[in-house]
Amino acid sequence: MGAENAGEPVVIDLGLGRGEPETYERPGRHTTSPWFAPSLLAVLVLLLAGASAPMRHPAVLTALLRVPIEPGDPYAITEGGRLLAQTGSNLNSYHLQTGELRWSVRQEMRVARLRTASGLLLLRPWGRFAVGTTAVSLATGGLQWRNEHNVLGFSGSSLLFAVDDVRTSSGPGRRVENAVQVVDPTVGDVRWQVDLKSTAVLLGVPGPADDPSRMLLVRDDRVADMYDVESGRLLASRALPAADYDPDNPIVAGGVLLLRHPGPSGTAVSAYGLADLRPIWTRPAHGTSRLLPCGLLACFAGQYGVRGIDPATGDVRWHRGDWRTVETQGTALVGYAGNRPVALADPVTGRTGVDLAGWDLVPGTAGNGELLVTRETSDGARTMVAVASPGAGRPRLLAELPEGTGSCQSAPERLVCRASHGELVVWAYRTPTEAG
C-alpha cells in the first residue's frame, strides 16, 4: 500500500573520512610515539595478510521501510511502537519493529498533525479555526465516533475531554469556554460535563497509582475546582493568587500543584496538595520565568539558570547557572543553553552525564534513558547521528545520515526521517557495542 521494504542493508563506515566532526574525539584515541606508529602498522599488515576470513562489517543503519510521503503530510510514532503516516488521501499504520503494514484506510480530511490518546487516533481538520474531532481506532483504522468539539487526552486518564478552545497565546486546549465534557473513548458518549459561565484554564492532573486521575479548572475569578475524572465529583475548591496562567503555569510536578505568581517582593511560587488544594508552601522565585517537571523534582528556570526544587518542601536540591531551561525525555533530563541542548543530566542531582554541546536532539526516545542526537560536520556537507547514553560522557557515533535527510523522530532501535526525494524512511540502527 504505497510502501516497500528496502533491499540490502546499508553498511556505514564511521571513519574520519566519512565526516566525523573534527571537534569530536573517539573514545580510546591516544597519542603514540614516533617509533610506535610504524611498528603498529607492520603488525597490522601481517595480521591482515594472514587472516583466514574476511573482516565482517555489520550494518549500523539499515533501511527497514520506505513510505512515499509529501512534505505537508503528517506522521507520528506511538508509544505502542506504531508508525502512523498520512500519504495523500490514505492513512496508514505500520509496525515499527518489522515494517509490516497493519492497516490502510481512506481519509480525505486534511490534518496538520496526528494525535493519539486512549487507543485512538484523534483527527482534527487542518486550519486555524477548524473545530470537531474524528476518532479512529489505532488497532484497525476503523471510524469510532465523531464529536463537534475539540477532543483532548491527558496523561494518566483513560477518559477524554471535549472542549471549545479560546484562541489565545496559550494555545488550544489550555483556556476553554462554554463547557468541558468528559468523553468515553470507546463509544464517544459524554459521561458528565461542567458548564462554564465564562472562560477557564483546564489542566489534567494524574492521580497516584491507586487513585483516579483528576481535572483542574481555574475560572476567571481565580477559583480552582478539582474534579474526580471518573465520577465527576467535586473534590476541592480554593481561590488561587492572581497569575498569568500561561501554558506552563500552573504545572503538576512531584505530586503537587505549582503556581508561579506575583509575591510581596517579586515573583513567587506556591505549592498546593492535589487531594484538597491545601497550601503547602510559598517561596520567593526571583528571575523565574518558567516552571517545569524534572523527574521527581520541579525545575525553576529563568534569568539565573535552572534550580531543581523538592516539590514537597520548596528546598533547592541543585542549581545550574549555565542552563536556561530543561526538557524531560522519558527518564532523562536535557539541559539547554539558549536554544541548543548542552547536557543529558541526572534529574535528581543535576549532574551532567553526557556532554551534548554542538549536538541537536532528535525528538522521541531511544529507550533505556538514551536519546539520539545529530550534528553537522564542520563543512556543513554531512550530518552525523549518535546515541547519548546516561553516564557515557559523550555521544557514541552511529553513522552518517544520507544527504537530504531531515525532520527525524526516534523510537527504541528505530530512526524515522523524511528524505528529500519524497520518502519517509524507517532506519533500524545498532549501537556501536551491538555492531561490534
Protein backbone atom coordinates (compact mmCIF):
# COMPACT_ATOMS: atom_id res chain seq x y z
CA MET A 1 0.00 0.00 0.00
CA GLY A 2 2.42 2.69 -1.15
CA ALA A 3 5.39 1.30 0.76
CA GLU A 4 8.16 -1.18 0.09
CA ASN A 5 10.79 -2.84 2.22
CA ALA A 6 14.38 -1.91 1.46
CA GLY A 7 16.81 -4.33 -0.09
CA GLU A 8 20.35 -4.98 1.04
CA PRO A 9 21.48 -3.43 4.35
CA VAL A 10 23.34 -0.14 4.09
CA VAL A 11 26.77 -0.51 5.71
CA ILE A 12 28.10 2.73 7.15
CA ASP A 13 31.83 3.27 7.75
CA LEU A 14 32.45 5.55 10.73
CA GLY A 15 35.99 6.68 9.86
CA LEU A 16 37.09 10.28 9.79
CA GLY A 17 36.91 10.23 6.02
CA ARG A 18 33.16 9.72 6.28
CA GLY A 19 32.61 13.02 8.03
CA GLU A 20 33.24 12.59 11.75
CA PRO A 21 33.26 16.13 13.24
CA GLU A 22 36.77 17.46 13.74
CA THR A 23 35.98 18.55 17.29
CA TYR A 24 34.76 15.11 18.29
CA GLU A 25 37.35 12.69 19.67
CA ARG A 26 36.76 8.98 19.56
CA PRO A 27 36.80 7.19 22.92
CA GLY A 28 40.13 5.44 23.39
CA ARG A 29 42.09 7.61 20.95
CA HIS A 30 45.65 8.07 22.28
CA THR A 31 48.80 9.86 21.16
CA THR A 32 51.58 7.50 20.02
CA SER A 33 55.33 7.97 19.99
CA PRO A 34 57.15 8.30 16.62
CA TRP A 35 58.59 4.73 16.69
CA PHE A 36 55.29 3.11 17.67
CA ALA A 37 53.15 4.04 14.65
CA PRO A 38 55.33 2.25 12.00
CA SER A 39 55.66 -0.83 14.23
CA LEU A 40 51.94 -0.99 14.76
CA LEU A 41 51.35 -0.61 11.03
CA ALA A 42 53.66 -3.54 10.29
CA VAL A 43 51.88 -5.76 12.78
CA LEU A 44 48.50 -4.85 11.29
CA VAL A 45 49.70 -5.66 7.78
CA LEU A 46 50.88 -9.09 8.92
CA LEU A 47 47.62 -9.79 10.73
CA LEU A 48 45.51 -8.79 7.76
CA ALA A 49 47.64 -10.77 5.33
CA GLY A 50 47.34 -13.92 7.44
CA ALA A 51 43.62 -13.62 8.13
CA SER A 52 41.75 -16.75 7.11
CA ALA A 53 38.38 -15.00 6.67
CA PRO A 54 37.30 -11.51 5.51
CA MET A 55 36.55 -8.93 8.24
CA ARG A 56 32.83 -8.59 8.91
CA HIS A 57 31.31 -5.09 8.91
CA PRO A 58 27.83 -5.26 10.49
CA ALA A 59 25.32 -2.65 9.32
CA VAL A 60 24.84 0.23 11.73
CA LEU A 61 21.88 1.73 9.84
CA THR A 62 19.56 -0.47 7.77
CA ALA A 63 16.66 0.99 5.77
CA LEU A 64 13.74 -1.14 7.02
CA LEU A 65 10.84 0.68 5.37
CA ARG A 66 10.27 3.41 2.78
CA VAL A 67 6.92 5.21 2.60
CA PRO A 68 6.11 7.74 -0.17
CA ILE A 69 5.07 10.98 1.56
CA GLU A 70 4.59 14.61 0.59
CA PRO A 71 6.20 17.49 2.55
CA GLY A 72 2.86 18.53 4.10
CA ASP A 73 1.75 15.02 5.06
CA PRO A 74 1.99 14.40 8.84
CA TYR A 75 3.41 11.33 10.56
CA ALA A 76 3.69 10.20 14.18
CA ILE A 77 5.22 7.44 16.31
CA THR A 78 3.02 5.94 19.01
CA GLU A 79 4.08 4.62 22.42
CA GLY A 80 2.94 1.18 21.29
CA GLY A 81 5.55 1.01 18.52
CA ARG A 82 3.40 2.05 15.56
CA LEU A 83 4.25 4.45 12.75
CA LEU A 84 1.26 6.45 11.54
CA ALA A 85 1.58 8.31 8.24
CA GLN A 86 -0.94 10.16 6.11
CA THR A 87 0.10 9.82 2.47
CA GLY A 88 -2.21 11.85 0.27
CA SER A 89 -5.74 10.59 0.98
CA ASN A 90 -4.62 7.38 2.72
CA LEU A 91 -3.97 6.93 6.43
CA ASN A 92 -1.53 4.08 7.12
CA SER A 93 -0.31 2.23 10.21
CA TYR A 94 2.98 0.26 10.24
CA HIS A 95 4.66 -1.93 12.85
CA LEU A 96 7.95 -0.19 13.66
CA GLN A 97 9.87 -3.35 14.51
CA THR A 98 9.01 -5.29 11.34
CA GLY A 99 7.93 -2.59 8.88
CA GLU A 100 4.69 -4.51 8.31
CA LEU A 101 1.66 -2.56 7.07
CA ARG A 102 -1.05 -3.15 9.67
CA TRP A 103 -3.87 -1.24 8.04
CA SER A 104 -4.60 1.45 5.45
CA VAL A 105 -7.82 3.45 5.21
CA ARG A 106 -9.14 6.22 3.01
CA GLN A 107 -9.01 9.55 4.85
CA GLU A 108 -9.97 12.63 2.85
CA MET A 109 -9.72 15.07 5.79
CA ARG A 110 -6.62 17.25 5.72
CA VAL A 111 -4.98 17.34 9.14
CA ALA A 112 -1.95 19.22 10.46
CA ARG A 113 -0.78 16.53 12.87
CA LEU A 114 -1.67 13.08 14.16
CA ARG A 115 -2.60 12.93 17.87
CA THR A 116 -3.21 9.75 19.85
CA ALA A 117 -4.93 9.04 23.18
CA SER A 118 -6.67 6.08 24.84
CA GLY A 119 -6.13 3.71 21.91
CA LEU A 120 -7.49 6.22 19.41
CA LEU A 121 -6.18 8.48 16.69
CA LEU A 122 -7.82 11.88 17.16
CA LEU A 123 -8.10 13.78 13.87
CA ARG A 124 -8.87 17.47 13.75
CA PRO A 125 -9.37 19.33 10.44
CA TRP A 126 -6.49 21.47 9.24
CA GLY A 127 -6.96 25.22 9.72
CA ARG A 128 -6.66 27.78 12.47
CA PHE A 129 -10.39 27.96 13.17
CA ALA A 130 -11.27 24.34 12.40
CA VAL A 131 -13.34 22.51 15.01
CA GLY A 132 -14.56 18.97 15.59
CA THR A 133 -12.76 15.66 16.14
CA THR A 134 -12.90 12.32 14.34
CA ALA A 135 -11.81 9.31 16.42
CA VAL A 136 -10.18 6.39 14.58
CA SER A 137 -9.19 3.06 16.15
CA LEU A 138 -5.41 2.63 16.41
CA ALA A 139 -5.88 -1.15 16.19
CA THR A 140 -7.91 -1.29 12.96
CA GLY A 141 -8.15 2.19 11.42
CA GLY A 142 -11.93 1.98 11.68
CA LEU A 143 -14.09 5.02 12.44
CA GLN A 144 -15.14 5.02 16.11
CA TRP A 145 -17.09 8.27 16.55
CA ARG A 146 -17.19 11.99 15.86
CA ASN A 147 -17.50 14.93 18.24
CA GLU A 148 -18.33 18.51 17.27
CA HIS A 149 -15.78 19.86 19.78
CA ASN A 150 -12.02 19.56 20.04
CA VAL A 151 -11.16 16.38 21.96
CA LEU A 152 -8.05 16.14 24.17
CA GLY A 153 -6.34 13.41 26.12
CA PHE A 154 -4.37 13.88 29.35
CA SER A 155 -1.65 11.64 30.73
CA GLY A 156 -2.92 9.30 33.44
CA SER A 157 -6.57 9.36 32.34
CA SER A 158 -8.30 6.82 30.09
CA LEU A 159 -11.17 9.27 29.52
CA LEU A 160 -11.08 12.17 27.06
CA PHE A 161 -12.07 15.83 27.27
CA ALA A 162 -14.16 17.69 24.66
CA VAL A 163 -13.73 21.47 24.79
CA ASP A 164 -14.22 24.71 22.91
CA ASP A 165 -10.86 26.45 22.69
CA VAL A 166 -10.33 30.13 23.35
CA ARG A 167 -7.76 31.25 20.81
CA THR A 168 -5.04 32.94 22.83
CA SER A 169 -1.26 32.80 23.03
CA SER A 170 -1.69 29.91 25.47
CA GLY A 171 -2.56 27.62 22.56
CA PRO A 172 -5.55 25.31 22.01
CA GLY A 173 -6.93 23.26 24.87
CA ARG A 174 -5.44 25.38 27.66
CA ARG A 175 -8.10 28.08 28.02
CA VAL A 176 -11.63 26.87 27.28
CA GLU A 177 -15.16 28.20 27.26
CA ASN A 178 -18.83 27.10 27.26
CA ALA A 179 -18.37 23.60 28.76
CA VAL A 180 -15.93 20.77 29.42
CA GLN A 181 -17.29 17.33 28.52
CA VAL A 182 -15.71 14.11 29.79
CA VAL A 183 -15.98 11.55 26.99
CA ASP A 184 -15.94 7.73 26.98
CA PRO A 185 -13.26 6.79 24.41
CA THR A 186 -14.96 3.53 23.39
CA VAL A 187 -18.26 4.93 22.09
CA GLY A 188 -17.80 8.70 22.35
CA ASP A 189 -20.62 9.24 24.84
CA VAL A 190 -20.44 12.14 27.29
CA ARG A 191 -20.07 10.80 30.85
CA TRP A 192 -20.52 14.16 32.56
CA GLN A 193 -19.79 17.83 31.93
CA VAL A 194 -19.07 21.14 33.64
CA ASP A 195 -20.79 24.24 32.30
CA LEU A 196 -18.75 27.45 32.31
CA LYS A 197 -20.14 30.95 32.76
CA SER A 198 -17.03 32.49 31.18
CA THR A 199 -13.61 31.05 30.37
CA ALA A 200 -11.34 28.79 32.43
CA VAL A 201 -7.90 27.18 32.35
CA LEU A 202 -8.02 23.37 32.01
CA LEU A 203 -5.33 21.08 33.40
CA GLY A 204 -5.20 17.28 33.56
CA VAL A 205 -3.90 16.04 36.92
CA PRO A 206 -2.66 12.42 37.17
CA GLY A 207 -3.52 10.76 40.45
CA PRO A 208 -1.50 8.21 42.46
CA ALA A 209 -1.35 4.62 41.20
CA ASP A 210 -4.36 3.58 43.32
CA ASP A 211 -6.33 6.79 42.77
CA PRO A 212 -8.27 8.05 39.72
CA SER A 213 -6.98 10.98 37.71
CA ARG A 214 -8.31 14.47 38.27
CA MET A 215 -9.28 17.52 36.28
CA LEU A 216 -8.46 21.07 37.43
CA LEU A 217 -10.43 24.08 36.23
CA VAL A 218 -9.23 27.57 37.18
CA ARG A 219 -12.01 30.04 36.39
CA ASP A 220 -11.68 33.73 35.55
CA ASP A 221 -12.40 34.64 39.19
CA ARG A 222 -9.26 32.56 40.12
CA VAL A 223 -11.31 29.89 41.90
CA ALA A 224 -9.77 26.48 41.24
CA ASP A 225 -12.05 23.41 41.22
CA MET A 226 -10.63 19.87 41.34
CA TYR A 227 -12.82 17.06 39.97
CA ASP A 228 -12.61 13.29 40.04
CA VAL A 229 -12.50 12.41 36.34
CA GLU A 230 -14.27 9.05 36.66
CA SER A 231 -17.27 10.24 38.67
CA GLY A 232 -17.38 14.00 38.12
CA ARG A 233 -17.37 14.57 41.89
CA LEU A 234 -16.02 17.93 43.05
CA LEU A 235 -13.08 17.11 45.32
CA ALA A 236 -11.85 20.55 46.33
CA SER A 237 -12.26 24.24 45.61
CA ARG A 238 -9.90 27.07 46.51
CA ALA A 239 -9.13 30.65 45.45
CA LEU A 240 -5.65 30.98 43.96
CA PRO A 241 -3.40 34.06 43.65
CA ALA A 242 -3.57 36.27 40.58
CA ALA A 243 -1.25 34.89 37.88
CA ASP A 244 -0.81 34.87 34.13
CA TYR A 245 -1.88 31.18 33.77
CA ASP A 246 0.17 30.63 30.63
CA PRO A 247 0.83 27.18 29.03
CA ASP A 248 3.38 26.29 31.74
CA ASN A 249 1.58 27.77 34.72
CA PRO A 250 0.33 26.06 36.83
CA ILE A 251 2.01 22.66 36.47
CA VAL A 252 1.96 19.34 38.31
CA ALA A 253 5.37 18.10 39.49
CA GLY A 254 6.33 15.58 42.15
CA GLY A 255 2.72 15.10 43.28
CA VAL A 256 1.91 18.77 43.94
CA LEU A 257 0.39 21.67 42.02
CA LEU A 258 2.84 24.55 41.47
CA LEU A 259 1.79 28.10 40.56
CA ARG A 260 4.10 30.99 39.63
CA HIS A 261 2.59 34.34 40.70
CA PRO A 262 3.49 37.85 41.92
CA GLY A 263 4.70 37.90 45.53
CA PRO A 264 5.39 40.66 48.09
CA SER A 265 8.87 41.33 46.69
CA GLY A 266 8.76 39.91 43.15
CA THR A 267 8.00 36.54 41.60
CA ALA A 268 6.94 33.75 43.98
CA VAL A 269 5.94 30.09 43.61
CA SER A 270 3.28 28.37 45.72
CA ALA A 271 2.62 24.63 46.09
CA TYR A 272 -0.79 23.01 46.70
CA GLY A 273 -1.83 19.45 47.52
CA LEU A 274 -3.59 17.57 44.74
CA ALA A 275 -6.12 15.90 47.02
CA ASP A 276 -7.60 19.04 48.60
CA LEU A 277 -5.69 22.03 47.08
CA ARG A 278 -4.34 22.75 50.56
CA PRO A 279 -1.47 25.32 50.52
CA ILE A 280 1.84 23.61 51.32
CA TRP A 281 4.49 26.31 50.91
CA THR A 282 5.32 29.59 49.18
CA ARG A 283 8.87 30.57 48.20
CA PRO A 284 10.43 33.62 46.50
CA ALA A 285 11.48 32.79 42.95
CA HIS A 286 13.26 35.88 41.66
CA GLY A 287 14.12 35.71 37.98
CA THR A 288 11.99 32.58 37.40
CA SER A 289 10.06 32.68 34.13
CA ARG A 290 9.08 29.00 33.76
CA LEU A 291 8.14 26.02 35.92
CA LEU A 292 8.90 22.57 34.55
CA PRO A 293 8.66 18.97 35.79
CA CYS A 294 12.12 17.40 36.36
CA GLY A 295 11.55 13.73 37.10
CA LEU A 296 10.52 13.62 40.78
CA LEU A 297 11.56 17.25 41.23
CA ALA A 298 10.35 20.57 39.85
CA CYS A 299 12.60 22.97 37.96
CA PHE A 300 12.57 26.77 38.21
CA ALA A 301 14.07 28.19 35.01
CA GLY A 302 14.88 31.76 34.10
CA GLN A 303 17.34 34.61 34.47
CA TYR A 304 19.66 32.87 36.95
CA GLY A 305 19.72 29.44 35.33
CA VAL A 306 17.82 26.34 36.46
CA ARG A 307 17.17 25.18 40.01
CA GLY A 308 15.97 21.69 40.92
CA ILE A 309 13.35 22.03 43.70
CA ASP A 310 11.94 19.47 46.11
CA PRO A 311 8.18 19.80 45.44
CA ALA A 312 7.27 18.70 48.96
CA THR A 313 9.27 21.42 50.74
CA GLY A 314 10.37 24.04 48.19
CA ASP A 315 14.03 23.41 49.11
CA VAL A 316 16.70 23.75 46.40
CA ARG A 317 18.34 20.39 45.57
CA TRP A 318 20.69 21.67 42.86
CA HIS A 319 21.45 24.72 40.76
CA ARG A 320 22.85 25.03 37.21
CA GLY A 321 23.68 28.61 36.36
CA ASP A 322 24.88 27.66 32.86
CA TRP A 323 21.44 26.37 31.82
CA ARG A 324 18.43 28.41 30.77
CA THR A 325 15.75 25.72 30.56
CA VAL A 326 15.29 21.94 30.65
CA GLU A 327 13.27 19.28 28.89
CA THR A 328 12.22 15.87 30.19
CA GLN A 329 12.59 13.00 27.72
CA GLY A 330 11.40 9.77 29.33
CA THR A 331 13.63 9.32 32.39
CA ALA A 332 16.29 11.69 31.02
CA LEU A 333 16.71 15.40 31.71
CA VAL A 334 18.13 17.59 28.94
CA GLY A 335 19.67 20.94 29.88
CA TYR A 336 19.62 23.81 27.37
CA ALA A 337 21.78 26.92 26.99
CA GLY A 338 19.74 29.11 24.68
CA ASN A 339 18.04 27.00 22.03
CA ARG A 340 20.67 24.24 21.94
CA PRO A 341 20.95 21.24 24.26
CA VAL A 342 24.18 21.11 26.25
CA ALA A 343 23.78 18.19 28.66
CA LEU A 344 21.99 14.94 29.35
CA ALA A 345 21.74 15.04 33.14
CA ASP A 346 20.58 13.20 36.23
CA PRO A 347 17.30 14.88 37.32
CA VAL A 348 17.98 14.06 40.99
CA THR A 349 21.40 15.76 41.17
CA GLY A 350 21.55 17.96 38.06
CA ARG A 351 24.95 16.47 37.21
CA THR A 352 25.92 16.13 33.55
CA GLY A 353 26.08 12.53 32.36
CA VAL A 354 26.62 13.28 28.66
CA ASP A 355 28.07 16.45 27.11
CA LEU A 356 25.68 17.42 24.28
CA ALA A 357 27.37 20.69 23.26
CA GLY A 358 27.23 21.01 19.47
CA TRP A 359 24.53 18.33 19.06
CA ASP A 360 20.82 18.64 18.29
CA LEU A 361 18.20 16.45 19.93
CA VAL A 362 16.11 14.05 17.84
CA PRO A 363 12.51 14.14 19.20
CA GLY A 364 11.37 10.92 20.84
CA THR A 365 13.24 8.41 22.96
CA ALA A 366 15.58 5.56 22.14
CA GLY A 367 14.62 3.73 25.36
CA ASN A 368 16.69 2.88 28.45
CA GLY A 369 17.14 6.59 29.12
CA GLU A 370 19.02 7.00 25.82
CA LEU A 371 18.49 9.73 23.23
CA LEU A 372 19.50 10.11 19.60
CA VAL A 373 21.32 13.30 18.59
CA THR A 374 22.60 14.77 15.32
CA ARG A 375 25.21 17.34 14.28
CA GLU A 376 26.56 18.73 11.04
CA THR A 377 30.20 18.28 10.14
CA SER A 378 32.41 21.36 10.14
CA ASP A 379 31.97 21.87 6.39
CA GLY A 380 28.18 21.55 6.69
CA ALA A 381 28.10 18.89 3.99
CA ARG A 382 27.09 15.92 6.13
CA THR A 383 25.04 15.10 9.22
CA MET A 384 26.12 12.56 11.81
CA VAL A 385 23.77 10.70 14.15
CA ALA A 386 24.83 9.40 17.56
CA VAL A 387 23.34 7.85 20.69
CA ALA A 388 23.60 9.57 24.08
CA SER A 389 23.53 7.10 26.98
CA PRO A 390 23.33 8.27 30.63
CA GLY A 391 26.79 8.33 32.19
CA ALA A 392 28.63 7.74 28.90
CA GLY A 393 30.33 11.16 28.97
CA ARG A 394 29.72 11.94 25.30
CA PRO A 395 27.55 10.64 22.45
CA ARG A 396 28.62 7.48 20.63
CA LEU A 397 28.66 7.85 16.86
CA LEU A 398 26.30 5.64 14.88
CA ALA A 399 26.53 6.74 11.26
CA GLU A 400 26.35 9.47 8.66
CA LEU A 401 22.81 10.22 7.50
CA PRO A 402 22.13 10.25 3.76
CA GLU A 403 22.12 13.66 2.12
CA GLY A 404 18.74 15.39 2.25
CA THR A 405 17.60 13.61 5.42
CA GLY A 406 15.68 15.67 7.99
CA SER A 407 12.63 16.04 10.28
CA CYS A 408 13.57 12.91 12.22
CA GLN A 409 11.92 11.19 15.17
CA SER A 410 13.30 8.36 17.28
CA ALA A 411 11.98 5.19 18.90
CA PRO A 412 13.79 2.23 20.50
CA GLU A 413 16.17 0.84 17.83
CA ARG A 414 14.48 2.96 15.16
CA LEU A 415 15.12 6.32 13.48
CA VAL A 416 12.37 7.75 11.25
CA CYS A 417 13.27 10.61 8.89
CA ARG A 418 11.96 12.42 5.85
CA ALA A 419 14.10 12.14 2.72
CA SER A 420 14.45 14.91 0.14
CA HIS A 421 13.05 12.72 -2.65
CA GLY A 422 9.57 12.38 -1.10
CA GLU A 423 10.00 9.38 1.18
CA LEU A 424 9.66 8.63 4.86
CA VAL A 425 12.45 6.20 5.77
CA VAL A 426 12.45 3.94 8.83
CA TRP A 427 16.03 3.07 9.78
CA ALA A 428 16.83 0.18 12.08
CA TYR A 429 20.01 1.04 13.97
CA ARG A 430 22.52 -0.81 16.08
CA THR A 431 24.63 0.82 18.75
CA PRO A 432 28.44 0.66 18.38
CA THR A 433 28.57 -2.06 21.08
CA GLU A 434 26.00 -4.22 19.29
CA ALA A 435 27.68 -3.63 15.94
CA GLY A 436 30.99 -4.91 17.26
